[in-house]
Amino acid sequence: MTATTKDGKEVFNASKIYTPQSPAYGRGDRKVFHPMRKSGMIADTSLQPGRPVEERFEIKFPFEEKDGKIIPESIVREMNITVRLWHLPAGGNHRDDKATPVGRGKFLFHETTETVTVRP
């Protein structure tokens, strides 16, 4: 999830992994996220079919301060929020196209952008 101002400045970026988690080969405390190496289950945080999932993120609207006081004209009142749902079958990095190419090691399932406005 990414939040940007109207001028394109990124003010928030967060990601969340939804996957079953287990110890590597059923031993130790090192968690793995790929199904080929699983032999036990620690937690199942995967997205289940037909079950809606709601996440909450607190994003602070940027502003400038002078002498410890907020400058009212500097408060950003509108942001674009973009949410992308990726599928990474063998792990990898959803942000780095060179490390994990789109269409080979990662697949974009859904993307949506909403504009959020705060009124004074």
PDB file of N, CA and C in Angstrom:
ATOM      1  N   MET A   1       0.840  -1.160   0.000  1.00  0.00           N
ATOM      2  CA  MET A   1       0.000   0.000   0.000  1.00  0.00           C
ATOM      3  C   MET A   1       0.885   1.222   0.000  1.00  0.00           C
ATOM      4  N   THR A   2       0.527   2.193  -0.841  1.00  0.00           N
ATOM      5  CA  THR A   2       1.313   3.404  -0.974  1.00  0.00           C
ATOM      6  C   THR A   2       0.389   4.615  -0.937  1.00  0.00           C
ATOM      7  N   ALA A   3       0.799   5.660  -0.221  1.00  0.00           N
ATOM      8  CA  ALA A   3       0.060   6.921  -0.192  1.00  0.00           C
ATOM      9  C   ALA A   3       0.949   8.009  -0.771  1.00  0.00           C
ATOM     10  N   THR A   4       0.415   8.760  -1.734  1.00  0.00           N
ATOM     11  CA  THR A   4       1.157   9.850  -2.357  1.00  0.00           C
ATOM     12  C   THR A   4       0.313  11.119  -2.338  1.00  0.00           C
ATOM     13  N   THR A   5       1.000  12.258  -2.279  1.00  0.00           N
ATOM     14  CA  THR A   5       0.297  13.534  -2.355  1.00  0.00           C
ATOM     15  C   THR A   5      -0.010  13.841  -3.815  1.00  0.00           C
ATOM     16  N   LYS A   6      -0.741  14.943  -4.061  1.00  0.00           N
ATOM     17  CA  LYS A   6      -1.106  15.302  -5.427  1.00  0.00           C
ATOM     18  C   LYS A   6       0.113  15.549  -6.309  1.00  0.00           C
ATOM     19  N   ASP A   7       1.203  16.039  -5.708  1.00  0.00           N
ATOM     20  CA  ASP A   7       2.405  16.312  -6.498  1.00  0.00           C
ATOM     21  C   ASP A   7       3.293  15.077  -6.675  1.00  0.00           C
ATOM     22  N   GLY A   8       2.850  13.903  -6.210  1.00  0.00           N
ATOM     23  CA  GLY A   8       3.569  12.654  -6.434  1.00  0.00           C
ATOM     24  C   GLY A   8       4.540  12.262  -5.332  1.00  0.00           C
ATOM     25  N   LYS A   9       4.623  13.037  -4.254  1.00  0.00           N
ATOM     26  CA  LYS A   9       5.534  12.724  -3.152  1.00  0.00           C
ATOM     27  C   LYS A   9       4.965  11.570  -2.326  1.00  0.00           C
ATOM     28  N   GLU A  10       5.766  10.520  -2.136  1.00  0.00           N
ATOM     29  CA  GLU A  10       5.331   9.366  -1.347  1.00  0.00           C
ATOM     30  C   GLU A  10       5.447   9.691   0.136  1.00  0.00           C
ATOM     31  N   VAL A  11       4.330   9.540   0.869  1.00  0.00           N
ATOM     32  CA  VAL A  11       4.323   9.863   2.300  1.00  0.00           C
ATOM     33  C   VAL A  11       4.097   8.633   3.175  1.00  0.00           C
ATOM     34  N   PHE A  12       3.717   7.500   2.566  1.00  0.00           N
ATOM     35  CA  PHE A  12       3.475   6.284   3.340  1.00  0.00           C
ATOM     36  C   PHE A  12       3.658   5.078   2.426  1.00  0.00           C
ATOM     37  N   ASN A  13       4.276   4.018   2.981  1.00  0.00           N
ATOM     38  CA  ASN A  13       4.456   2.780   2.231  1.00  0.00           C
ATOM     39  C   ASN A  13       4.472   1.635   3.232  1.00  0.00           C
ATOM     40  N   ALA A  14       3.618   0.653   3.008  1.00  0.00           N
ATOM     41  CA  ALA A  14       3.565  -0.496   3.905  1.00  0.00           C
ATOM     42  C   ALA A  14       3.197  -1.734   3.103  1.00  0.00           C
ATOM     43  N   SER A  15       3.624  -2.895   3.598  1.00  0.00           N
ATOM     44  CA  SER A  15       3.240  -4.148   2.948  1.00  0.00           C
ATOM     45  C   SER A  15       2.908  -5.178   4.021  1.00  0.00           C
ATOM     46  N   LYS A  16       2.116  -6.141   3.646  1.00  0.00           N
ATOM     47  CA  LYS A  16       1.700  -7.202   4.561  1.00  0.00           C
ATOM     48  C   LYS A  16       1.771  -8.514   3.804  1.00  0.00           C
ATOM     49  N   ILE A  17       2.276  -9.552   4.461  1.00  0.00           N
ATOM     50  CA  ILE A  17       2.397 -10.874   3.844  1.00  0.00           C
ATOM     51  C   ILE A  17       1.281 -11.759   4.377  1.00  0.00           C
ATOM     52  N   TYR A  18       0.544 -12.357   3.456  1.00  0.00           N
ATOM     53  CA  TYR A  18      -0.509 -13.305   3.813  1.00  0.00           C
ATOM     54  C   TYR A  18      -0.059 -14.679   3.339  1.00  0.00           C
ATOM     55  N   THR A  19       0.319 -15.547   4.250  1.00  0.00           N
ATOM     56  CA  THR A  19       0.779 -16.880   3.867  1.00  0.00           C
ATOM     57  C   THR A  19       0.813 -17.795   5.082  1.00  0.00           C
ATOM     58  N   PRO A  20       0.647 -19.086   4.881  1.00  0.00           N
ATOM     59  CA  PRO A  20       0.890 -19.998   6.001  1.00  0.00           C
ATOM     60  C   PRO A  20       2.368 -19.943   6.382  1.00  0.00           C
ATOM     61  N   GLN A  21       2.652 -20.033   7.659  1.00  0.00           N
ATOM     62  CA  GLN A  21       4.032 -19.968   8.132  1.00  0.00           C
ATOM     63  C   GLN A  21       4.375 -21.262   8.845  1.00  0.00           C
ATOM     64  N   SER A  22       5.574 -21.736   8.615  1.00  0.00           N
ATOM     65  CA  SER A  22       6.012 -22.954   9.280  1.00  0.00           C
ATOM     66  C   SER A  22       7.520 -22.915   9.480  1.00  0.00           C
ATOM     67  N   PRO A  23       8.042 -23.763  10.358  1.00  0.00           N
ATOM     68  CA  PRO A  23       9.495 -23.842  10.492  1.00  0.00           C
ATOM     69  C   PRO A  23      10.086 -24.553   9.281  1.00  0.00           C
ATOM     70  N   ALA A  24      11.311 -24.214   8.927  1.00  0.00           N
ATOM     71  CA  ALA A  24      11.973 -24.836   7.781  1.00  0.00           C
ATOM     72  C   ALA A  24      12.134 -26.332   8.016  1.00  0.00           C
ATOM     73  N   TYR A  25      11.544 -27.124   7.163  1.00  0.00           N
ATOM     74  CA  TYR A  25      11.604 -28.582   7.231  1.00  0.00           C
ATOM     75  C   TYR A  25      11.154 -29.124   8.586  1.00  0.00           C
ATOM     76  N   GLY A  26      10.275 -28.365   9.285  1.00  0.00           N
ATOM     77  CA  GLY A  26       9.731 -28.817  10.555  1.00  0.00           C
ATOM     78  C   GLY A  26      10.686 -28.699  11.726  1.00  0.00           C
ATOM     79  N   ARG A  27      11.847 -28.047  11.531  1.00  0.00           N
ATOM     80  CA  ARG A  27      12.837 -27.930  12.600  1.00  0.00           C
ATOM     81  C   ARG A  27      13.266 -26.486  12.794  1.00  0.00           C
ATOM     82  N   GLY A  28      13.671 -26.158  13.981  1.00  0.00           N
ATOM     83  CA  GLY A  28      14.233 -24.844  14.266  1.00  0.00           C
ATOM     84  C   GLY A  28      13.180 -23.768  14.404  1.00  0.00           C
ATOM     85  N   ASP A  29      13.667 -22.518  14.507  1.00  0.00           N
ATOM     86  CA  ASP A  29      12.750 -21.405  14.677  1.00  0.00           C
ATOM     87  C   ASP A  29      12.741 -20.477  13.464  1.00  0.00           C
ATOM     88  N   ARG A  30      13.433 -20.857  12.386  1.00  0.00           N
ATOM     89  CA  ARG A  30      13.459 -20.065  11.163  1.00  0.00           C
ATOM     90  C   ARG A  30      12.172 -20.308  10.383  1.00  0.00           C
ATOM     91  N   LYS A  31      11.388 -19.213  10.168  1.00  0.00           N
ATOM     92  CA  LYS A  31      10.123 -19.362   9.455  1.00  0.00           C
ATOM     93  C   LYS A  31      10.364 -19.350   7.951  1.00  0.00           C
ATOM     94  N   VAL A  32       9.591 -20.139   7.236  1.00  0.00           N
ATOM     95  CA  VAL A  32       9.625 -20.121   5.773  1.00  0.00           C
ATOM     96  C   VAL A  32       8.214 -19.856   5.275  1.00  0.00           C
ATOM     97  N   PHE A  33       8.123 -19.298   4.075  1.00  0.00           N
ATOM     98  CA  PHE A  33       6.837 -18.914   3.530  1.00  0.00           C
ATOM     99  C   PHE A  33       6.485 -19.688   2.264  1.00  0.00           C
ATOM    100  N   HIS A  34       7.313 -20.590   1.809  1.00  0.00           N
ATOM    101  CA  HIS A  34       7.052 -21.319   0.575  1.00  0.00           C
ATOM    102  C   HIS A  34       6.535 -22.719   0.888  1.00  0.00           C
ATOM    103  N   PRO A  35       5.473 -23.181   0.223  1.00  0.00           N
ATOM    104  CA  PRO A  35       4.872 -24.472   0.578  1.00  0.00           C
ATOM    105  C   PRO A  35       5.770 -25.683   0.349  1.00  0.00           C
ATOM    106  N   MET A  36       6.780 -25.590  -0.513  1.00  0.00           N
ATOM    107  CA  MET A  36       7.631 -26.753  -0.791  1.00  0.00           C
ATOM    108  C   MET A  36       8.490 -27.149   0.404  1.00  0.00           C
ATOM    109  N   ARG A  37       8.787 -26.198   1.295  1.00  0.00           N
ATOM    110  CA  ARG A  37       9.684 -26.485   2.416  1.00  0.00           C
ATOM    111  C   ARG A  37       8.937 -26.688   3.724  1.00  0.00           C
ATOM    112  N   LYS A  38       7.627 -26.792   3.681  1.00  0.00           N
ATOM    113  CA  LYS A  38       6.842 -26.887   4.903  1.00  0.00           C
ATOM    114  C   LYS A  38       6.592 -28.335   5.287  1.00  0.00           C
ATOM    115  N   SER A  39       6.708 -28.611   6.572  1.00  0.00           N
ATOM    116  CA  SER A  39       6.319 -29.927   7.075  1.00  0.00           C
ATOM    117  C   SER A  39       5.539 -29.793   8.374  1.00  0.00           C
ATOM    118  N   GLY A  40       5.309 -28.574   8.819  1.00  0.00           N
ATOM    119  CA  GLY A  40       4.515 -28.303  10.008  1.00  0.00           C
ATOM    120  C   GLY A  40       3.895 -26.939   9.850  1.00  0.00           C
ATOM    121  N   MET A  41       3.071 -26.538  10.773  1.00  0.00           N
ATOM    122  CA  MET A  41       2.386 -25.260  10.650  1.00  0.00           C
ATOM    123  C   MET A  41       2.505 -24.491  11.953  1.00  0.00           C
ATOM    124  N   ILE A  42       2.978 -23.244  11.872  1.00  0.00           N
ATOM    125  CA  ILE A  42       3.029 -22.361  13.036  1.00  0.00           C
ATOM    126  C   ILE A  42       1.767 -21.511  13.063  1.00  0.00           C
ATOM    127  N   ALA A  43       1.472 -20.860  11.947  1.00  0.00           N
ATOM    128  CA  ALA A  43       0.303 -19.986  11.861  1.00  0.00           C
ATOM    129  C   ALA A  43      -0.161 -19.926  10.416  1.00  0.00           C
ATOM    130  N   ASP A  44      -1.454 -19.733  10.218  1.00  0.00           N
ATOM    131  CA  ASP A  44      -1.983 -19.591   8.878  1.00  0.00           C
ATOM    132  C   ASP A  44      -2.527 -18.180   8.725  1.00  0.00           C
ATOM    133  N   THR A  45      -1.753 -17.319   8.083  1.00  0.00           N
ATOM    134  CA  THR A  45      -2.168 -15.943   7.850  1.00  0.00           C
ATOM    135  C   THR A  45      -2.494 -15.731   6.378  1.00  0.00           C
ATOM    136  N   SER A  46      -2.868 -16.790   5.674  1.00  0.00           N
ATOM    137  CA  SER A  46      -3.145 -16.671   4.242  1.00  0.00           C
ATOM    138  C   SER A  46      -4.528 -16.092   3.996  1.00  0.00           C
ATOM    139  N   LEU A  47      -4.751 -15.626   2.773  1.00  0.00           N
ATOM    140  CA  LEU A  47      -6.070 -15.138   2.382  1.00  0.00           C
ATOM    141  C   LEU A  47      -6.930 -16.337   2.023  1.00  0.00           C
ATOM    142  N   GLN A  48      -8.066 -16.451   2.661  1.00  0.00           N
ATOM    143  CA  GLN A  48      -8.965 -17.576   2.419  1.00  0.00           C
ATOM    144  C   GLN A  48      -9.995 -17.203   1.357  1.00  0.00           C
ATOM    145  N   PRO A  49     -10.343 -18.128   0.468  1.00  0.00           N
ATOM    146  CA  PRO A  49     -11.322 -17.828  -0.588  1.00  0.00           C
ATOM    147  C   PRO A  49     -12.683 -17.464  -0.003  1.00  0.00           C
ATOM    148  N   GLY A  50     -13.273 -16.402  -0.556  1.00  0.00           N
ATOM    149  CA  GLY A  50     -14.613 -16.004  -0.145  1.00  0.00           C
ATOM    150  C   GLY A  50     -14.719 -15.338   1.210  1.00  0.00           C
ATOM    151  N   ARG A  51     -13.599 -15.156   1.906  1.00  0.00           N
ATOM    152  CA  ARG A  51     -13.623 -14.524   3.226  1.00  0.00           C
ATOM    153  C   ARG A  51     -12.980 -13.137   3.131  1.00  0.00           C
ATOM    154  N   PRO A  52     -13.767 -12.072   3.343  1.00  0.00           N
ATOM    155  CA  PRO A  52     -13.189 -10.725   3.253  1.00  0.00           C
ATOM    156  C   PRO A  52     -12.174 -10.475   4.361  1.00  0.00           C
ATOM    157  N   VAL A  53     -11.147  -9.710   4.042  1.00  0.00           N
ATOM    158  CA  VAL A  53     -10.111  -9.343   5.003  1.00  0.00           C
ATOM    159  C   VAL A  53     -10.055  -7.823   5.070  1.00  0.00           C
ATOM    160  N   GLU A  54     -10.054  -7.291   6.279  1.00  0.00           N
ATOM    161  CA  GLU A  54      -9.979  -5.850   6.460  1.00  0.00           C
ATOM    162  C   GLU A  54      -8.699  -5.513   7.205  1.00  0.00           C
ATOM    163  N   GLU A  55      -7.941  -4.575   6.657  1.00  0.00           N
ATOM    164  CA  GLU A  55      -6.712  -4.093   7.297  1.00  0.00           C
ATOM    165  C   GLU A  55      -6.877  -2.605   7.569  1.00  0.00           C
ATOM    166  N   ARG A  56      -6.276  -2.133   8.645  1.00  0.00           N
ATOM    167  CA  ARG A  56      -6.320  -0.705   8.975  1.00  0.00           C
ATOM    168  C   ARG A  56      -4.891  -0.171   9.023  1.00  0.00           C
ATOM    169  N   PHE A  57      -4.710   0.963   8.381  1.00  0.00           N
ATOM    170  CA  PHE A  57      -3.432   1.658   8.382  1.00  0.00           C
ATOM    171  C   PHE A  57      -3.684   3.099   8.792  1.00  0.00           C
ATOM    172  N   GLU A  58      -2.850   3.617   9.674  1.00  0.00           N
ATOM    173  CA  GLU A  58      -2.958   5.014  10.069  1.00  0.00           C
ATOM    174  C   GLU A  58      -1.922   5.812   9.305  1.00  0.00           C
ATOM    175  N   ILE A  59      -2.405   6.706   8.460  1.00  0.00           N
ATOM    176  CA  ILE A  59      -1.534   7.520   7.622  1.00  0.00           C
ATOM    177  C   ILE A  59      -1.691   8.967   8.050  1.00  0.00           C
ATOM    178  N   LYS A  60      -0.599   9.585   8.433  1.00  0.00           N
ATOM    179  CA  LYS A  60      -0.651  10.982   8.855  1.00  0.00           C
ATOM    180  C   LYS A  60      -0.516  11.882   7.625  1.00  0.00           C
ATOM    181  N   PHE A  61      -1.413  12.839   7.522  1.00  0.00           N
ATOM    182  CA  PHE A  61      -1.327  13.804   6.444  1.00  0.00           C
ATOM    183  C   PHE A  61      -0.173  14.767   6.760  1.00  0.00           C
ATOM    184  N   PRO A  62       0.736  14.991   5.806  1.00  0.00           N
ATOM    185  CA  PRO A  62       1.909  15.826   6.090  1.00  0.00           C
ATOM    186  C   PRO A  62       1.558  17.311   6.268  1.00  0.00           C
ATOM    187  N   PHE A  63       2.382  17.990   7.061  1.00  0.00           N
ATOM    188  CA  PHE A  63       2.224  19.425   7.293  1.00  0.00           C
ATOM    189  C   PHE A  63       3.578  19.985   7.701  1.00  0.00           C
ATOM    190  N   GLU A  64       3.694  21.289   7.686  1.00  0.00           N
ATOM    191  CA  GLU A  64       4.929  21.966   8.098  1.00  0.00           C
ATOM    192  C   GLU A  64       4.672  22.703   9.414  1.00  0.00           C
ATOM    193  N   GLU A  65       5.750  22.828  10.181  1.00  0.00           N
ATOM    194  CA  GLU A  65       5.670  23.534  11.460  1.00  0.00           C
ATOM    195  C   GLU A  65       6.652  24.688  11.480  1.00  0.00           C
ATOM    196  N   LYS A  66       6.279  25.731  12.204  1.00  0.00           N
ATOM    197  CA  LYS A  66       7.194  26.860  12.421  1.00  0.00           C
ATOM    198  C   LYS A  66       7.030  27.295  13.863  1.00  0.00           C
ATOM    199  N   ASP A  67       8.118  27.302  14.594  1.00  0.00           N
ATOM    200  CA  ASP A  67       8.112  27.662  16.017  1.00  0.00           C
ATOM    201  C   ASP A  67       7.163  26.773  16.817  1.00  0.00           C
ATOM    202  N   GLY A  68       7.080  25.484  16.455  1.00  0.00           N
ATOM    203  CA  GLY A  68       6.256  24.537  17.183  1.00  0.00           C
ATOM    204  C   GLY A  68       4.772  24.608  16.856  1.00  0.00           C
ATOM    205  N   LYS A  69       4.397  25.448  15.889  1.00  0.00           N
ATOM    206  CA  LYS A  69       2.991  25.572  15.512  1.00  0.00           C
ATOM    207  C   LYS A  69       2.812  25.121  14.064  1.00  0.00           C
ATOM    208  N   ILE A  70       1.675  24.504  13.802  1.00  0.00           N
ATOM    209  CA  ILE A  70       1.368  24.025  12.457  1.00  0.00           C
ATOM    210  C   ILE A  70       0.982  25.209  11.573  1.00  0.00           C
ATOM    211  N   ILE A  71       1.548  25.239  10.374  1.00  0.00           N
ATOM    212  CA  ILE A  71       1.178  26.257   9.392  1.00  0.00           C
ATOM    213  C   ILE A  71      -0.046  25.731   8.645  1.00  0.00           C
ATOM    214  N   PRO A  72      -1.219  26.339   8.840  1.00  0.00           N
ATOM    215  CA  PRO A  72      -2.455  25.794   8.260  1.00  0.00           C
ATOM    216  C   PRO A  72      -2.413  25.630   6.742  1.00  0.00           C
ATOM    217  N   GLU A  73      -1.749  26.527   6.033  1.00  0.00           N
ATOM    218  CA  GLU A  73      -1.696  26.442   4.573  1.00  0.00           C
ATOM    219  C   GLU A  73      -0.859  25.265   4.087  1.00  0.00           C
ATOM    220  N   SER A  74      -0.010  24.726   4.949  1.00  0.00           N
ATOM    221  CA  SER A  74       0.891  23.646   4.538  1.00  0.00           C
ATOM    222  C   SER A  74       0.274  22.255   4.696  1.00  0.00           C
ATOM    223  N   ILE A  75      -0.880  22.162   5.325  1.00  0.00           N
ATOM    224  CA  ILE A  75      -1.493  20.856   5.565  1.00  0.00           C
ATOM    225  C   ILE A  75      -1.971  20.260   4.249  1.00  0.00           C
ATOM    226  N   VAL A  76      -1.506  19.057   3.958  1.00  0.00           N
ATOM    227  CA  VAL A  76      -1.952  18.354   2.770  1.00  0.00           C
ATOM    228  C   VAL A  76      -3.336  17.789   3.067  1.00  0.00           C
ATOM    229  N   ARG A  77      -4.301  18.108   2.240  1.00  0.00           N
ATOM    230  CA  ARG A  77      -5.677  17.699   2.505  1.00  0.00           C
ATOM    231  C   ARG A  77      -6.171  16.617   1.554  1.00  0.00           C
ATOM    232  N   GLU A  78      -5.323  16.192   0.618  1.00  0.00           N
ATOM    233  CA  GLU A  78      -5.747  15.174  -0.333  1.00  0.00           C
ATOM    234  C   GLU A  78      -4.581  14.236  -0.640  1.00  0.00           C
ATOM    235  N   MET A  79      -4.865  12.922  -0.619  1.00  0.00           N
ATOM    236  CA  MET A  79      -3.850  11.908  -0.922  1.00  0.00           C
ATOM    237  C   MET A  79      -4.444  10.839  -1.807  1.00  0.00           C
ATOM    238  N   ASN A  80      -3.593  10.241  -2.629  1.00  0.00           N
ATOM    239  CA  ASN A  80      -3.983   9.083  -3.428  1.00  0.00           C
ATOM    240  C   ASN A  80      -3.445   7.839  -2.739  1.00  0.00           C
ATOM    241  N   ILE A  81      -4.333   6.886  -2.457  1.00  0.00           N
ATOM    242  CA  ILE A  81      -3.963   5.637  -1.809  1.00  0.00           C
ATOM    243  C   ILE A  81      -4.029   4.531  -2.859  1.00  0.00           C
ATOM    244  N   THR A  82      -2.917   3.842  -3.078  1.00  0.00           N
ATOM    245  CA  THR A  82      -2.864   2.744  -4.042  1.00  0.00           C
ATOM    246  C   THR A  82      -2.613   1.444  -3.294  1.00  0.00           C
ATOM    247  N   VAL A  83      -3.446   0.457  -3.572  1.00  0.00           N
ATOM    248  CA  VAL A  83      -3.309  -0.863  -2.958  1.00  0.00           C
ATOM    249  C   VAL A  83      -3.085  -1.872  -4.071  1.00  0.00           C
ATOM    250  N   ARG A  84      -2.041  -2.687  -3.930  1.00  0.00           N
ATOM    251  CA  ARG A  84      -1.736  -3.737  -4.903  1.00  0.00           C
ATOM    252  C   ARG A  84      -1.701  -5.084  -4.193  1.00  0.00           C
ATOM    253  N   LEU A  85      -2.345  -6.070  -4.805  1.00  0.00           N
ATOM    254  CA  LEU A  85      -2.333  -7.435  -4.279  1.00  0.00           C
ATOM    255  C   LEU A  85      -1.484  -8.288  -5.218  1.00  0.00           C
ATOM    256  N   TRP A  86      -0.322  -8.723  -4.716  1.00  0.00           N
ATOM    257  CA  TRP A  86       0.634  -9.521  -5.498  1.00  0.00           C
ATOM    258  C   TRP A  86       0.570 -10.980  -5.076  1.00  0.00           C
ATOM    259  N   HIS A  87       0.887 -11.858  -6.023  1.00  0.00           N
ATOM    260  CA  HIS A  87       1.095 -13.274  -5.721  1.00  0.00           C
ATOM    261  C   HIS A  87       2.545 -13.587  -6.054  1.00  0.00           C
ATOM    262  N   LEU A  88       3.290 -14.030  -5.058  1.00  0.00           N
ATOM    263  CA  LEU A  88       4.691 -14.414  -5.230  1.00  0.00           C
ATOM    264  C   LEU A  88       4.795 -15.894  -4.903  1.00  0.00           C
ATOM    265  N   PRO A  89       4.703 -16.790  -5.909  1.00  0.00           N
ATOM    266  CA  PRO A  89       4.652 -18.220  -5.639  1.00  0.00           C
ATOM    267  C   PRO A  89       5.881 -18.774  -4.918  1.00  0.00           C
ATOM    268  N   ALA A  90       7.042 -18.200  -5.126  1.00  0.00           N
ATOM    269  CA  ALA A  90       8.243 -18.723  -4.484  1.00  0.00           C
ATOM    270  C   ALA A  90       8.935 -17.659  -3.653  1.00  0.00           C
ATOM    271  N   GLY A  91       8.164 -16.786  -3.038  1.00  0.00           N
ATOM    272  CA  GLY A  91       8.765 -15.706  -2.263  1.00  0.00           C
ATOM    273  C   GLY A  91       9.278 -14.646  -3.208  1.00  0.00           C
ATOM    274  N   GLY A  92      10.224 -13.867  -2.780  1.00  0.00           N
ATOM    275  CA  GLY A  92      10.786 -12.845  -3.649  1.00  0.00           C
ATOM    276  C   GLY A  92      10.435 -11.460  -3.155  1.00  0.00           C
ATOM    277  N   ASN A  93      10.650 -10.484  -4.030  1.00  0.00           N
ATOM    278  CA  ASN A  93      10.479  -9.091  -3.667  1.00  0.00           C
ATOM    279  C   ASN A  93       9.455  -8.467  -4.593  1.00  0.00           C
ATOM    280  N   HIS A  94       8.323  -8.021  -4.062  1.00  0.00           N
ATOM    281  CA  HIS A  94       7.282  -7.438  -4.907  1.00  0.00           C
ATOM    282  C   HIS A  94       7.608  -6.017  -5.333  1.00  0.00           C
ATOM    283  N   ARG A  95       8.613  -5.386  -4.732  1.00  0.00           N
ATOM    284  CA  ARG A  95       8.957  -4.004  -5.069  1.00  0.00           C
ATOM    285  C   ARG A  95      10.088  -3.907  -6.086  1.00  0.00           C
ATOM    286  N   ASP A  96      10.878  -4.949  -6.259  1.00  0.00           N
ATOM    287  CA  ASP A  96      12.052  -4.890  -7.123  1.00  0.00           C
ATOM    288  C   ASP A  96      11.817  -5.727  -8.379  1.00  0.00           C
ATOM    289  N   ASP A  97      11.568  -5.059  -9.521  1.00  0.00           N
ATOM    290  CA  ASP A  97      11.297  -5.770 -10.772  1.00  0.00           C
ATOM    291  C   ASP A  97      12.521  -6.503 -11.304  1.00  0.00           C
ATOM    292  N   LYS A  98      13.716  -6.031 -10.981  1.00  0.00           N
ATOM    293  CA  LYS A  98      14.928  -6.703 -11.463  1.00  0.00           C
ATOM    294  C   LYS A  98      15.181  -7.999 -10.697  1.00  0.00           C
ATOM    295  N   ALA A  99      14.910  -7.984  -9.391  1.00  0.00           N
ATOM    296  CA  ALA A  99      15.132  -9.175  -8.568  1.00  0.00           C
ATOM    297  C   ALA A  99      14.081 -10.245  -8.849  1.00  0.00           C
ATOM    298  N   THR A 100      12.838  -9.836  -9.013  1.00  0.00           N
ATOM    299  CA  THR A 100      11.732 -10.763  -9.274  1.00  0.00           C
ATOM    300  C   THR A 100      10.902 -10.184 -10.412  1.00  0.00           C
ATOM    301  N   PRO A 101      11.099 -10.650 -11.649  1.00  0.00           N
ATOM    302  CA  PRO A 101      10.393 -10.052 -12.787  1.00  0.00           C
ATOM    303  C   PRO A 101       8.892 -10.317 -12.763  1.00  0.00           C
ATOM    304  N   VAL A 102       8.120  -9.299 -13.166  1.00  0.00           N
ATOM    305  CA  VAL A 102       6.664  -9.414 -13.239  1.00  0.00           C
ATOM    306  C   VAL A 102       6.311 -10.431 -14.325  1.00  0.00           C
ATOM    307  N   GLY A 103       5.385 -11.333 -14.007  1.00  0.00           N
ATOM    308  CA  GLY A 103       4.963 -12.347 -14.964  1.00  0.00           C
ATOM    309  C   GLY A 103       5.778 -13.630 -14.892  1.00  0.00           C
ATOM    310  N   ARG A 104       6.880 -13.621 -14.151  1.00  0.00           N
ATOM    311  CA  ARG A 104       7.691 -14.828 -13.986  1.00  0.00           C
ATOM    312  C   ARG A 104       7.743 -15.266 -12.535  1.00  0.00           C
ATOM    313  N   GLY A 105       8.150 -14.379 -11.646  1.00  0.00           N
ATOM    314  CA  GLY A 105       8.254 -14.723 -10.239  1.00  0.00           C
ATOM    315  C   GLY A 105       7.220 -14.033  -9.375  1.00  0.00           C
ATOM    316  N   LYS A 106       6.461 -13.118  -9.969  1.00  0.00           N
ATOM    317  CA  LYS A 106       5.412 -12.426  -9.228  1.00  0.00           C
ATOM    318  C   LYS A 106       4.308 -12.014 -10.197  1.00  0.00           C
ATOM    319  N   PHE A 107       3.087 -11.973  -9.668  1.00  0.00           N
ATOM    320  CA  PHE A 107       1.935 -11.687 -10.504  1.00  0.00           C
ATOM    321  C   PHE A 107       1.030 -10.702  -9.782  1.00  0.00           C
ATOM    322  N   LEU A 108       0.635  -9.638 -10.465  1.00  0.00           N
ATOM    323  CA  LEU A 108      -0.255  -8.639  -9.895  1.00  0.00           C
ATOM    324  C   LEU A 108      -1.696  -9.109 -10.079  1.00  0.00           C
ATOM    325  N   PHE A 109      -2.382  -9.411  -8.951  1.00  0.00           N
ATOM    326  CA  PHE A 109      -3.764  -9.884  -8.997  1.00  0.00           C
ATOM    327  C   PHE A 109      -4.749  -8.721  -9.084  1.00  0.00           C
ATOM    328  N   HIS A 110      -4.503  -7.681  -8.303  1.00  0.00           N
ATOM    329  CA  HIS A 110      -5.465  -6.585  -8.230  1.00  0.00           C
ATOM    330  C   HIS A 110      -4.744  -5.304  -7.850  1.00  0.00           C
ATOM    331  N   GLU A 111      -5.192  -4.192  -8.429  1.00  0.00           N
ATOM    332  CA  GLU A 111      -4.657  -2.879  -8.081  1.00  0.00           C
ATOM    333  C   GLU A 111      -5.802  -1.880  -8.094  1.00  0.00           C
ATOM    334  N   THR A 112      -5.861  -1.038  -7.080  1.00  0.00           N
ATOM    335  CA  THR A 112      -6.886   0.003  -7.022  1.00  0.00           C
ATOM    336  C   THR A 112      -6.285   1.259  -6.407  1.00  0.00           C
ATOM    337  N   THR A 113      -6.765   2.418  -6.868  1.00  0.00           N
ATOM    338  CA  THR A 113      -6.319   3.702  -6.331  1.00  0.00           C
ATOM    339  C   THR A 113      -7.548   4.517  -5.953  1.00  0.00           C
ATOM    340  N   GLU A 114      -7.517   5.056  -4.751  1.00  0.00           N
ATOM    341  CA  GLU A 114      -8.603   5.905  -4.246  1.00  0.00           C
ATOM    342  C   GLU A 114      -8.012   7.231  -3.792  1.00  0.00           C
ATOM    343  N   THR A 115      -8.781   8.296  -3.951  1.00  0.00           N
ATOM    344  CA  THR A 115      -8.373   9.598  -3.454  1.00  0.00           C
ATOM    345  C   THR A 115      -9.079   9.851  -2.127  1.00  0.00           C
ATOM    346  N   VAL A 116      -8.294  10.205  -1.109  1.00  0.00           N
ATOM    347  CA  VAL A 116      -8.825  10.479   0.229  1.00  0.00           C
ATOM    348  C   VAL A 116      -8.655  11.960   0.498  1.00  0.00           C
ATOM    349  N   THR A 117      -9.744  12.598   0.927  1.00  0.00           N
ATOM    350  CA  THR A 117      -9.722  14.028   1.194  1.00  0.00           C
ATOM    351  C   THR A 117     -10.137  14.283   2.641  1.00  0.00           C
ATOM    352  N   VAL A 118      -9.414  15.200   3.298  1.00  0.00           N
ATOM    353  CA  VAL A 118      -9.754  15.623   4.651  1.00  0.00           C
ATOM    354  C   VAL A 118     -10.233  17.070   4.544  1.00  0.00           C
ATOM    355  N   ARG A 119     -11.389  17.326   5.121  1.00  0.00           N
ATOM    356  CA  ARG A 119     -11.948  18.687   5.069  1.00  0.00           C
ATOM    357  C   ARG A 119     -11.628  19.421   6.355  1.00  0.00           C
ATOM    358  N   PRO A 120     -11.335  20.723   6.225  1.00  0.00           N
ATOM    359  CA  PRO A 120     -11.006  21.496   7.435  1.00  0.00           C
ATOM    360  C   PRO A 120     -12.191  21.713   8.351  1.00  0.00           C
TER     361      PRO A 120
END
